[in-house]
Amino acid sequence: MKIAAGLNLFLPGAGLFYLGKKGVGAALAGAFLLCFLAELGIFIVSYGRYLSLAMSDDLMKNDNLESIATVFPRALLMTFAGAGLVIYLVSMALFGSVKRKLQDAR
């Protein structure tokens, strides 16, 4: 049971998969990984844009300095982070329920 709890803590859904709830576990793990990879990809692309603006010689020309503030799409980043948090909480709740059922069956 400790292994399943550790797996579920590390990757939401993995503990459920380990306990035999393969469909739900795989769906939650896949959705969480999708959110994580989307978040990471958006951040890396945005950071590249930030560096290109910050390292440019004409930072003070036109509106380059003001455009740095809009490089990171905060709403999109917060959406994926919020979705990942919801998936994490749902996974923890489902894991607790499955764990109780398995302990009662013993």
PDB file of N, CA and C in Angstrom:
ATOM      1  N   MET A   1       0.818  -1.195   0.000  1.00  0.00           N
ATOM      2  CA  MET A   1       0.000   0.000   0.000  1.00  0.00           C
ATOM      3  C   MET A   1       0.866   1.264   0.000  1.00  0.00           C
ATOM      4  N   LYS A   2       2.046   1.183   0.631  1.00  0.00           N
ATOM      5  CA  LYS A   2       2.943   2.341   0.672  1.00  0.00           C
ATOM      6  C   LYS A   2       3.506   2.650  -0.703  1.00  0.00           C
ATOM      7  N   ILE A   3       3.753   1.618  -1.467  1.00  0.00           N
ATOM      8  CA  ILE A   3       4.259   1.829  -2.830  1.00  0.00           C
ATOM      9  C   ILE A   3       3.199   2.554  -3.658  1.00  0.00           C
ATOM     10  N   ALA A   4       1.961   2.117  -3.545  1.00  0.00           N
ATOM     11  CA  ALA A   4       0.872   2.750  -4.291  1.00  0.00           C
ATOM     12  C   ALA A   4       0.701   4.204  -3.871  1.00  0.00           C
ATOM     13  N   ALA A   5       0.812   4.477  -2.563  1.00  0.00           N
ATOM     14  CA  ALA A   5       0.683   5.855  -2.080  1.00  0.00           C
ATOM     15  C   ALA A   5       1.812   6.720  -2.625  1.00  0.00           C
ATOM     16  N   GLY A   6       3.028   6.180  -2.643  1.00  0.00           N
ATOM     17  CA  GLY A   6       4.155   6.918  -3.202  1.00  0.00           C
ATOM     18  C   GLY A   6       4.007   7.179  -4.688  1.00  0.00           C
ATOM     19  N   LEU A   7       3.543   6.186  -5.405  1.00  0.00           N
ATOM     20  CA  LEU A   7       3.309   6.363  -6.841  1.00  0.00           C
ATOM     21  C   LEU A   7       2.249   7.425  -7.100  1.00  0.00           C
ATOM     22  N   ASN A   8       1.171   7.382  -6.310  1.00  0.00           N
ATOM     23  CA  ASN A   8       0.089   8.344  -6.505  1.00  0.00           C
ATOM     24  C   ASN A   8       0.522   9.756  -6.131  1.00  0.00           C
ATOM     25  N   LEU A   9       1.427   9.866  -5.178  1.00  0.00           N
ATOM     26  CA  LEU A   9       1.956  11.171  -4.785  1.00  0.00           C
ATOM     27  C   LEU A   9       2.857  11.728  -5.881  1.00  0.00           C
ATOM     28  N   PHE A  10       3.675  10.861  -6.469  1.00  0.00           N
ATOM     29  CA  PHE A  10       4.607  11.278  -7.516  1.00  0.00           C
ATOM     30  C   PHE A  10       3.896  11.593  -8.827  1.00  0.00           C
ATOM     31  N   LEU A  11       2.981  10.721  -9.234  1.00  0.00           N
ATOM     32  CA  LEU A  11       2.226  10.903 -10.471  1.00  0.00           C
ATOM     33  C   LEU A  11       0.775  10.550 -10.205  1.00  0.00           C
ATOM     34  N   PRO A  12      -0.089  11.536 -10.136  1.00  0.00           N
ATOM     35  CA  PRO A  12      -1.500  11.264  -9.862  1.00  0.00           C
ATOM     36  C   PRO A  12      -2.065  10.228 -10.838  1.00  0.00           C
ATOM     37  N   GLY A  13      -2.691   9.204 -10.275  1.00  0.00           N
ATOM     38  CA  GLY A  13      -3.257   8.125 -11.084  1.00  0.00           C
ATOM     39  C   GLY A  13      -2.391   6.885 -11.094  1.00  0.00           C
ATOM     40  N   ALA A  14      -1.096   7.029 -10.859  1.00  0.00           N
ATOM     41  CA  ALA A  14      -0.201   5.878 -10.897  1.00  0.00           C
ATOM     42  C   ALA A  14      -0.490   4.910  -9.754  1.00  0.00           C
ATOM     43  N   GLY A  15      -0.839   5.444  -8.592  1.00  0.00           N
ATOM     44  CA  GLY A  15      -1.193   4.584  -7.470  1.00  0.00           C
ATOM     45  C   GLY A  15      -2.474   3.823  -7.718  1.00  0.00           C
ATOM     46  N   LEU A  16      -3.434   4.461  -8.357  1.00  0.00           N
ATOM     47  CA  LEU A  16      -4.679   3.779  -8.726  1.00  0.00           C
ATOM     48  C   LEU A  16      -4.395   2.679  -9.739  1.00  0.00           C
ATOM     49  N   PHE A  17      -3.535   2.962 -10.682  1.00  0.00           N
ATOM     50  CA  PHE A  17      -3.145   1.967 -11.681  1.00  0.00           C
ATOM     51  C   PHE A  17      -2.507   0.768 -10.985  1.00  0.00           C
ATOM     52  N   TYR A  18      -1.655   1.032 -10.023  1.00  0.00           N
ATOM     53  CA  TYR A  18      -0.958  -0.010  -9.267  1.00  0.00           C
ATOM     54  C   TYR A  18      -1.944  -0.865  -8.466  1.00  0.00           C
ATOM     55  N   LEU A  19      -3.007  -0.243  -7.952  1.00  0.00           N
ATOM     56  CA  LEU A  19      -3.999  -0.964  -7.161  1.00  0.00           C
ATOM     57  C   LEU A  19      -5.031  -1.702  -8.012  1.00  0.00           C
ATOM     58  N   GLY A  20      -4.915  -1.623  -9.329  1.00  0.00           N
ATOM     59  CA  GLY A  20      -5.803  -2.379 -10.193  1.00  0.00           C
ATOM     60  C   GLY A  20      -6.862  -1.557 -10.904  1.00  0.00           C
ATOM     61  N   LYS A  21      -6.979  -0.298 -10.594  1.00  0.00           N
ATOM     62  CA  LYS A  21      -7.925   0.594 -11.285  1.00  0.00           C
ATOM     63  C   LYS A  21      -7.213   1.193 -12.493  1.00  0.00           C
ATOM     64  N   LYS A  22      -6.943   0.338 -13.468  1.00  0.00           N
ATOM     65  CA  LYS A  22      -6.088   0.710 -14.588  1.00  0.00           C
ATOM     66  C   LYS A  22      -6.680   1.805 -15.482  1.00  0.00           C
ATOM     67  N   GLY A  23      -7.967   1.730 -15.755  1.00  0.00           N
ATOM     68  CA  GLY A  23      -8.580   2.727 -16.633  1.00  0.00           C
ATOM     69  C   GLY A  23      -8.565   4.122 -16.036  1.00  0.00           C
ATOM     70  N   VAL A  24      -9.034   4.225 -14.802  1.00  0.00           N
ATOM     71  CA  VAL A  24      -9.076   5.525 -14.126  1.00  0.00           C
ATOM     72  C   VAL A  24      -7.665   6.036 -13.874  1.00  0.00           C
ATOM     73  N   GLY A  25      -6.787   5.137 -13.436  1.00  0.00           N
ATOM     74  CA  GLY A  25      -5.410   5.533 -13.164  1.00  0.00           C
ATOM     75  C   GLY A  25      -4.696   6.044 -14.404  1.00  0.00           C
ATOM     76  N   ALA A  26      -4.861   5.336 -15.503  1.00  0.00           N
ATOM     77  CA  ALA A  26      -4.215   5.757 -16.753  1.00  0.00           C
ATOM     78  C   ALA A  26      -4.786   7.080 -17.253  1.00  0.00           C
ATOM     79  N   ALA A  27      -6.093   7.255 -17.115  1.00  0.00           N
ATOM     80  CA  ALA A  27      -6.722   8.504 -17.565  1.00  0.00           C
ATOM     81  C   ALA A  27      -6.216   9.694 -16.741  1.00  0.00           C
ATOM     82  N   LEU A  28      -6.170   9.521 -15.428  1.00  0.00           N
ATOM     83  CA  LEU A  28      -5.693  10.615 -14.572  1.00  0.00           C
ATOM     84  C   LEU A  28      -4.211  10.894 -14.803  1.00  0.00           C
ATOM     85  N   ALA A  29      -3.408   9.848 -14.910  1.00  0.00           N
ATOM     86  CA  ALA A  29      -1.977  10.040 -15.153  1.00  0.00           C
ATOM     87  C   ALA A  29      -1.740  10.707 -16.515  1.00  0.00           C
ATOM     88  N   GLY A  30      -2.465  10.267 -17.517  1.00  0.00           N
ATOM     89  CA  GLY A  30      -2.319  10.870 -18.845  1.00  0.00           C
ATOM     90  C   GLY A  30      -2.736  12.330 -18.869  1.00  0.00           C
ATOM     91  N   ALA A  31      -3.846  12.633 -18.224  1.00  0.00           N
ATOM     92  CA  ALA A  31      -4.311  14.024 -18.180  1.00  0.00           C
ATOM     93  C   ALA A  31      -3.330  14.900 -17.413  1.00  0.00           C
ATOM     94  N   PHE A  32      -2.800  14.384 -16.306  1.00  0.00           N
ATOM     95  CA  PHE A  32      -1.832  15.152 -15.527  1.00  0.00           C
ATOM     96  C   PHE A  32      -0.553  15.382 -16.329  1.00  0.00           C
ATOM     97  N   LEU A  33      -0.073  14.339 -17.003  1.00  0.00           N
ATOM     98  CA  LEU A  33       1.130  14.492 -17.829  1.00  0.00           C
ATOM     99  C   LEU A  33       0.909  15.471 -18.976  1.00  0.00           C
ATOM    100  N   LEU A  34      -0.285  15.452 -19.549  1.00  0.00           N
ATOM    101  CA  LEU A  34      -0.609  16.399 -20.613  1.00  0.00           C
ATOM    102  C   LEU A  34      -0.545  17.832 -20.090  1.00  0.00           C
ATOM    103  N   CYS A  35      -1.148  18.071 -18.927  1.00  0.00           N
ATOM    104  CA  CYS A  35      -1.096  19.412 -18.326  1.00  0.00           C
ATOM    105  C   CYS A  35       0.342  19.816 -18.018  1.00  0.00           C
ATOM    106  N   PHE A  36       1.103  18.883 -17.445  1.00  0.00           N
ATOM    107  CA  PHE A  36       2.491  19.178 -17.093  1.00  0.00           C
ATOM    108  C   PHE A  36       3.321  19.503 -18.329  1.00  0.00           C
ATOM    109  N   LEU A  37       3.201  18.689 -19.368  1.00  0.00           N
ATOM    110  CA  LEU A  37       3.995  18.915 -20.583  1.00  0.00           C
ATOM    111  C   LEU A  37       3.567  20.188 -21.307  1.00  0.00           C
ATOM    112  N   ALA A  38       2.264  20.483 -21.293  1.00  0.00           N
ATOM    113  CA  ALA A  38       1.796  21.729 -21.904  1.00  0.00           C
ATOM    114  C   ALA A  38       2.354  22.926 -21.143  1.00  0.00           C
ATOM    115  N   GLU A  39       2.315  22.848 -19.825  1.00  0.00           N
ATOM    116  CA  GLU A  39       2.854  23.917 -18.985  1.00  0.00           C
ATOM    117  C   GLU A  39       4.350  24.113 -19.241  1.00  0.00           C
ATOM    118  N   LEU A  40       5.079  23.022 -19.286  1.00  0.00           N
ATOM    119  CA  LEU A  40       6.514  23.077 -19.515  1.00  0.00           C
ATOM    120  C   LEU A  40       6.828  23.632 -20.910  1.00  0.00           C
ATOM    121  N   GLY A  41       6.098  23.167 -21.910  1.00  0.00           N
ATOM    122  CA  GLY A  41       6.322  23.649 -23.274  1.00  0.00           C
ATOM    123  C   GLY A  41       6.035  25.134 -23.425  1.00  0.00           C
ATOM    124  N   ILE A  42       4.915  25.580 -22.854  1.00  0.00           N
ATOM    125  CA  ILE A  42       4.572  27.013 -22.931  1.00  0.00           C
ATOM    126  C   ILE A  42       5.632  27.837 -22.218  1.00  0.00           C
ATOM    127  N   PHE A  43       6.085  27.343 -21.056  1.00  0.00           N
ATOM    128  CA  PHE A  43       7.097  28.083 -20.305  1.00  0.00           C
ATOM    129  C   PHE A  43       8.409  28.179 -21.078  1.00  0.00           C
ATOM    130  N   ILE A  44       8.842  27.083 -21.671  1.00  0.00           N
ATOM    131  CA  ILE A  44      10.116  27.091 -22.399  1.00  0.00           C
ATOM    132  C   ILE A  44      10.050  28.025 -23.607  1.00  0.00           C
ATOM    133  N   VAL A  45       8.958  27.975 -24.351  1.00  0.00           N
ATOM    134  CA  VAL A  45       8.811  28.865 -25.507  1.00  0.00           C
ATOM    135  C   VAL A  45       8.765  30.324 -25.058  1.00  0.00           C
ATOM    136  N   SER A  46       8.014  30.594 -23.997  1.00  0.00           N
ATOM    137  CA  SER A  46       7.909  31.964 -23.489  1.00  0.00           C
ATOM    138  C   SER A  46       9.241  32.463 -22.949  1.00  0.00           C
ATOM    139  N   TYR A  47       9.976  31.587 -22.282  1.00  0.00           N
ATOM    140  CA  TYR A  47      11.271  31.980 -21.747  1.00  0.00           C
ATOM    141  C   TYR A  47      12.247  32.279 -22.881  1.00  0.00           C
ATOM    142  N   GLY A  48      12.156  31.517 -23.968  1.00  0.00           N
ATOM    143  CA  GLY A  48      12.979  31.812 -25.136  1.00  0.00           C
ATOM    144  C   GLY A  48      12.664  33.183 -25.711  1.00  0.00           C
ATOM    145  N   ARG A  49      11.381  33.518 -25.768  1.00  0.00           N
ATOM    146  CA  ARG A  49      10.993  34.862 -26.248  1.00  0.00           C
ATOM    147  C   ARG A  49      11.509  35.941 -25.300  1.00  0.00           C
ATOM    148  N   TYR A  50      11.399  35.677 -24.010  1.00  0.00           N
ATOM    149  CA  TYR A  50      11.876  36.632 -23.014  1.00  0.00           C
ATOM    150  C   TYR A  50      13.373  36.875 -23.175  1.00  0.00           C
ATOM    151  N   LEU A  51      14.132  35.798 -23.310  1.00  0.00           N
ATOM    152  CA  LEU A  51      15.579  35.950 -23.472  1.00  0.00           C
ATOM    153  C   LEU A  51      15.937  36.690 -24.748  1.00  0.00           C
ATOM    154  N   SER A  52      15.215  36.416 -25.829  1.00  0.00           N
ATOM    155  CA  SER A  52      15.530  37.105 -27.081  1.00  0.00           C
ATOM    156  C   SER A  52      15.247  38.603 -26.966  1.00  0.00           C
ATOM    157  N   LEU A  53      14.199  38.964 -26.231  1.00  0.00           N
ATOM    158  CA  LEU A  53      13.925  40.390 -26.024  1.00  0.00           C
ATOM    159  C   LEU A  53      14.921  41.012 -25.048  1.00  0.00           C
ATOM    160  N   ALA A  54      15.225  40.290 -23.973  1.00  0.00           N
ATOM    161  CA  ALA A  54      16.113  40.846 -22.954  1.00  0.00           C
ATOM    162  C   ALA A  54      17.547  40.986 -23.448  1.00  0.00           C
ATOM    163  N   MET A  55      17.969  40.108 -24.327  1.00  0.00           N
ATOM    164  CA  MET A  55      19.348  40.140 -24.814  1.00  0.00           C
ATOM    165  C   MET A  55      19.513  40.994 -26.067  1.00  0.00           C
ATOM    166  N   SER A  56      18.428  41.495 -26.603  1.00  0.00           N
ATOM    167  CA  SER A  56      18.535  42.282 -27.829  1.00  0.00           C
ATOM    168  C   SER A  56      19.160  43.642 -27.533  1.00  0.00           C
ATOM    169  N   ASP A  57      19.787  44.198 -28.536  1.00  0.00           N
ATOM    170  CA  ASP A  57      20.446  45.502 -28.385  1.00  0.00           C
ATOM    171  C   ASP A  57      19.448  46.648 -28.382  1.00  0.00           C
ATOM    172  N   ASP A  58      18.264  46.419 -28.904  1.00  0.00           N
ATOM    173  CA  ASP A  58      17.284  47.493 -29.004  1.00  0.00           C
ATOM    174  C   ASP A  58      16.137  47.315 -27.997  1.00  0.00           C
ATOM    175  N   LEU A  59      16.496  46.964 -26.769  1.00  0.00           N
ATOM    176  CA  LEU A  59      15.483  46.754 -25.734  1.00  0.00           C
ATOM    177  C   LEU A  59      14.708  48.034 -25.444  1.00  0.00           C
ATOM    178  N   MET A  60      15.378  49.161 -25.508  1.00  0.00           N
ATOM    179  CA  MET A  60      14.730  50.429 -25.178  1.00  0.00           C
ATOM    180  C   MET A  60      14.026  51.068 -26.379  1.00  0.00           C
ATOM    181  N   LYS A  61      14.141  50.455 -27.544  1.00  0.00           N
ATOM    182  CA  LYS A  61      13.499  51.008 -28.738  1.00  0.00           C
ATOM    183  C   LYS A  61      12.087  50.472 -28.869  1.00  0.00           C
ATOM    184  N   ASN A  62      11.268  51.209 -29.571  1.00  0.00           N
ATOM    185  CA  ASN A  62       9.868  50.852 -29.829  1.00  0.00           C
ATOM    186  C   ASN A  62       9.170  50.498 -28.512  1.00  0.00           C
ATOM    187  N   ASP A  63       8.479  49.388 -28.483  1.00  0.00           N
ATOM    188  CA  ASP A  63       7.796  48.985 -27.252  1.00  0.00           C
ATOM    189  C   ASP A  63       8.340  47.650 -26.737  1.00  0.00           C
ATOM    190  N   ASN A  64       9.621  47.382 -26.988  1.00  0.00           N
ATOM    191  CA  ASN A  64      10.224  46.109 -26.585  1.00  0.00           C
ATOM    192  C   ASN A  64      10.194  45.915 -25.072  1.00  0.00           C
ATOM    193  N   LEU A  65      10.468  46.967 -24.324  1.00  0.00           N
ATOM    194  CA  LEU A  65      10.492  46.849 -22.876  1.00  0.00           C
ATOM    195  C   LEU A  65       9.098  46.530 -22.329  1.00  0.00           C
ATOM    196  N   GLU A  66       8.088  47.170 -22.898  1.00  0.00           N
ATOM    197  CA  GLU A  66       6.722  46.914 -22.460  1.00  0.00           C
ATOM    198  C   GLU A  66       6.239  45.530 -22.877  1.00  0.00           C
ATOM    199  N   SER A  67       6.734  45.020 -23.989  1.00  0.00           N
ATOM    200  CA  SER A  67       6.286  43.718 -24.470  1.00  0.00           C
ATOM    201  C   SER A  67       6.847  42.562 -23.649  1.00  0.00           C
ATOM    202  N   ILE A  68       7.889  42.813 -22.870  1.00  0.00           N
ATOM    203  CA  ILE A  68       8.421  41.753 -22.002  1.00  0.00           C
ATOM    204  C   ILE A  68       7.365  41.315 -21.000  1.00  0.00           C
ATOM    205  N   ALA A  69       6.546  42.235 -20.552  1.00  0.00           N
ATOM    206  CA  ALA A  69       5.517  41.911 -19.555  1.00  0.00           C
ATOM    207  C   ALA A  69       4.466  40.948 -20.100  1.00  0.00           C
ATOM    208  N   THR A  70       4.316  40.902 -21.393  1.00  0.00           N
ATOM    209  CA  THR A  70       3.281  40.049 -21.985  1.00  0.00           C
ATOM    210  C   THR A  70       3.848  38.768 -22.611  1.00  0.00           C
ATOM    211  N   VAL A  71       5.117  38.501 -22.391  1.00  0.00           N
ATOM    212  CA  VAL A  71       5.753  37.328 -23.003  1.00  0.00           C
ATOM    213  C   VAL A  71       5.153  36.040 -22.454  1.00  0.00           C
ATOM    214  N   PHE A  72       4.947  35.978 -21.139  1.00  0.00           N
ATOM    215  CA  PHE A  72       4.395  34.776 -20.523  1.00  0.00           C
ATOM    216  C   PHE A  72       2.867  34.861 -20.510  1.00  0.00           C
ATOM    217  N   PRO A  73       2.188  33.924 -21.170  1.00  0.00           N
ATOM    218  CA  PRO A  73       0.715  33.937 -21.173  1.00  0.00           C
ATOM    219  C   PRO A  73       0.181  33.435 -19.820  1.00  0.00           C
ATOM    220  N   ARG A  74       0.022  34.357 -18.889  1.00  0.00           N
ATOM    221  CA  ARG A  74      -0.331  33.986 -17.519  1.00  0.00           C
ATOM    222  C   ARG A  74      -1.638  33.212 -17.436  1.00  0.00           C
ATOM    223  N   ALA A  75      -2.647  33.637 -18.182  1.00  0.00           N
ATOM    224  CA  ALA A  75      -3.946  32.960 -18.105  1.00  0.00           C
ATOM    225  C   ALA A  75      -3.824  31.504 -18.548  1.00  0.00           C
ATOM    226  N   LEU A  76      -3.099  31.264 -19.604  1.00  0.00           N
ATOM    227  CA  LEU A  76      -2.931  29.903 -20.105  1.00  0.00           C
ATOM    228  C   LEU A  76      -2.110  29.059 -19.129  1.00  0.00           C
ATOM    229  N   LEU A  77      -1.054  29.645 -18.584  1.00  0.00           N
ATOM    230  CA  LEU A  77      -0.242  28.925 -17.604  1.00  0.00           C
ATOM    231  C   LEU A  77      -1.060  28.593 -16.358  1.00  0.00           C
ATOM    232  N   MET A  78      -1.855  29.530 -15.891  1.00  0.00           N
ATOM    233  CA  MET A  78      -2.684  29.297 -14.703  1.00  0.00           C
ATOM    234  C   MET A  78      -3.783  28.270 -14.985  1.00  0.00           C
ATOM    235  N   THR A  79      -4.295  28.241 -16.200  1.00  0.00           N
ATOM    236  CA  THR A  79      -5.322  27.263 -16.562  1.00  0.00           C
ATOM    237  C   THR A  79      -4.772  25.842 -16.482  1.00  0.00           C
ATOM    238  N   PHE A  80      -3.610  25.627 -17.071  1.00  0.00           N
ATOM    239  CA  PHE A  80      -3.008  24.288 -17.016  1.00  0.00           C
ATOM    240  C   PHE A  80      -2.585  23.921 -15.594  1.00  0.00           C
ATOM    241  N   ALA A  81      -2.077  24.887 -14.846  1.00  0.00           N
ATOM    242  CA  ALA A  81      -1.699  24.616 -13.454  1.00  0.00           C
ATOM    243  C   ALA A  81      -2.937  24.279 -12.623  1.00  0.00           C
ATOM    244  N   GLY A  82      -4.024  24.995 -12.828  1.00  0.00           N
ATOM    245  CA  GLY A  82      -5.266  24.713 -12.109  1.00  0.00           C
ATOM    246  C   GLY A  82      -5.837  23.357 -12.477  1.00  0.00           C
ATOM    247  N   ALA A  83      -5.796  23.030 -13.751  1.00  0.00           N
ATOM    248  CA  ALA A  83      -6.291  21.720 -14.182  1.00  0.00           C
ATOM    249  C   ALA A  83      -5.445  20.598 -13.581  1.00  0.00           C
ATOM    250  N   GLY A  84      -4.130  20.788 -13.532  1.00  0.00           N
ATOM    251  CA  GLY A  84      -3.252  19.800 -12.915  1.00  0.00           C
ATOM    252  C   GLY A  84      -3.544  19.639 -11.433  1.00  0.00           C
ATOM    253  N   LEU A  85      -3.829  20.741 -10.754  1.00  0.00           N
ATOM    254  CA  LEU A  85      -4.169  20.676  -9.333  1.00  0.00           C
ATOM    255  C   LEU A  85      -5.478  19.930  -9.103  1.00  0.00           C
ATOM    256  N   VAL A  86      -6.468  20.196  -9.938  1.00  0.00           N
ATOM    257  CA  VAL A  86      -7.756  19.494  -9.819  1.00  0.00           C
ATOM    258  C   VAL A  86      -7.559  17.997 -10.053  1.00  0.00           C
ATOM    259  N   ILE A  87      -6.794  17.637 -11.056  1.00  0.00           N
ATOM    260  CA  ILE A  87      -6.514  16.226 -11.334  1.00  0.00           C
ATOM    261  C   ILE A  87      -5.805  15.588 -10.144  1.00  0.00           C
ATOM    262  N   TYR A  88      -4.863  16.305  -9.565  1.00  0.00           N
ATOM    263  CA  TYR A  88      -4.129  15.805  -8.406  1.00  0.00           C
ATOM    264  C   TYR A  88      -5.080  15.548  -7.233  1.00  0.00           C
ATOM    265  N   LEU A  89      -5.965  16.499  -6.946  1.00  0.00           N
ATOM    266  CA  LEU A  89      -6.900  16.349  -5.829  1.00  0.00           C
ATOM    267  C   LEU A  89      -7.903  15.220  -6.073  1.00  0.00           C
ATOM    268  N   VAL A  90      -8.398  15.101  -7.301  1.00  0.00           N
ATOM    269  CA  VAL A  90      -9.319  14.009  -7.638  1.00  0.00           C
ATOM    270  C   VAL A  90      -8.615  12.668  -7.483  1.00  0.00           C
ATOM    271  N   SER A  91      -7.375  12.595  -7.919  1.00  0.00           N
ATOM    272  CA  SER A  91      -6.614  11.359  -7.798  1.00  0.00           C
ATOM    273  C   SER A  91      -6.415  10.980  -6.333  1.00  0.00           C
ATOM    274  N   MET A  92      -6.122  11.947  -5.497  1.00  0.00           N
ATOM    275  CA  MET A  92      -5.939  11.667  -4.073  1.00  0.00           C
ATOM    276  C   MET A  92      -7.236  11.187  -3.428  1.00  0.00           C
ATOM    277  N   ALA A  93      -8.350  11.809  -3.786  1.00  0.00           N
ATOM    278  CA  ALA A  93      -9.641  11.402  -3.227  1.00  0.00           C
ATOM    279  C   ALA A  93     -10.005   9.981  -3.675  1.00  0.00           C
ATOM    280  N   LEU A  94      -9.830   9.703  -4.959  1.00  0.00           N
ATOM    281  CA  LEU A  94     -10.131   8.360  -5.460  1.00  0.00           C
ATOM    282  C   LEU A  94      -9.192   7.317  -4.862  1.00  0.00           C
ATOM    283  N   PHE A  95      -7.936   7.685  -4.685  1.00  0.00           N
ATOM    284  CA  PHE A  95      -6.976   6.763  -4.084  1.00  0.00           C
ATOM    285  C   PHE A  95      -7.379   6.424  -2.652  1.00  0.00           C
ATOM    286  N   GLY A  96      -7.788   7.427  -1.897  1.00  0.00           N
ATOM    287  CA  GLY A  96      -8.240   7.178  -0.527  1.00  0.00           C
ATOM    288  C   GLY A  96      -9.442   6.263  -0.484  1.00  0.00           C
ATOM    289  N   SER A  97     -10.362   6.451  -1.404  1.00  0.00           N
ATOM    290  CA  SER A  97     -11.569   5.609  -1.465  1.00  0.00           C
ATOM    291  C   SER A  97     -11.220   4.162  -1.804  1.00  0.00           C
ATOM    292  N   VAL A  98     -10.381   3.967  -2.796  1.00  0.00           N
ATOM    293  CA  VAL A  98      -9.979   2.620  -3.198  1.00  0.00           C
ATOM    294  C   VAL A  98      -9.176   1.956  -2.080  1.00  0.00           C
ATOM    295  N   LYS A  99      -8.325   2.721  -1.430  1.00  0.00           N
ATOM    296  CA  LYS A  99      -7.520   2.179  -0.332  1.00  0.00           C
ATOM    297  C   LYS A  99      -8.411   1.692   0.813  1.00  0.00           C
ATOM    298  N   ARG A 100      -9.433   2.485   1.161  1.00  0.00           N
ATOM    299  CA  ARG A 100     -10.366   2.076   2.224  1.00  0.00           C
ATOM    300  C   ARG A 100     -11.123   0.817   1.833  1.00  0.00           C
ATOM    301  N   LYS A 101     -11.567   0.727   0.588  1.00  0.00           N
ATOM    302  CA  LYS A 101     -12.299  -0.463   0.131  1.00  0.00           C
ATOM    303  C   LYS A 101     -11.419  -1.707   0.189  1.00  0.00           C
ATOM    304  N   LEU A 102     -10.157  -1.550  -0.208  1.00  0.00           N
ATOM    305  CA  LEU A 102      -9.252  -2.701  -0.163  1.00  0.00           C
ATOM    306  C   LEU A 102      -8.934  -3.117   1.278  1.00  0.00           C
ATOM    307  N   GLN A 103      -8.819  -2.153   2.168  1.00  0.00           N
ATOM    308  CA  GLN A 103      -8.544  -2.478   3.557  1.00  0.00           C
ATOM    309  C   GLN A 103      -9.762  -3.131   4.224  1.00  0.00           C
ATOM    310  N   ASP A 104     -10.956  -2.697   3.853  1.00  0.00           N
ATOM    311  CA  ASP A 104     -12.184  -3.301   4.393  1.00  0.00           C
ATOM    312  C   ASP A 104     -12.374  -4.729   3.889  1.00  0.00           C
ATOM    313  N   ALA A 105     -11.893  -5.011   2.691  1.00  0.00           N
ATOM    314  CA  ALA A 105     -12.046  -6.332   2.106  1.00  0.00           C
ATOM    315  C   ALA A 105     -11.131  -7.358   2.768  1.00  0.00           C
ATOM    316  N   ARG A 106     -10.106  -6.893   3.438  1.00  0.00           N
ATOM    317  CA  ARG A 106      -9.158  -7.819   4.098  1.00  0.00           C
ATOM    318  C   ARG A 106      -9.733  -8.379   5.317  1.00  0.00           C
TER     319      ARG A 106
END
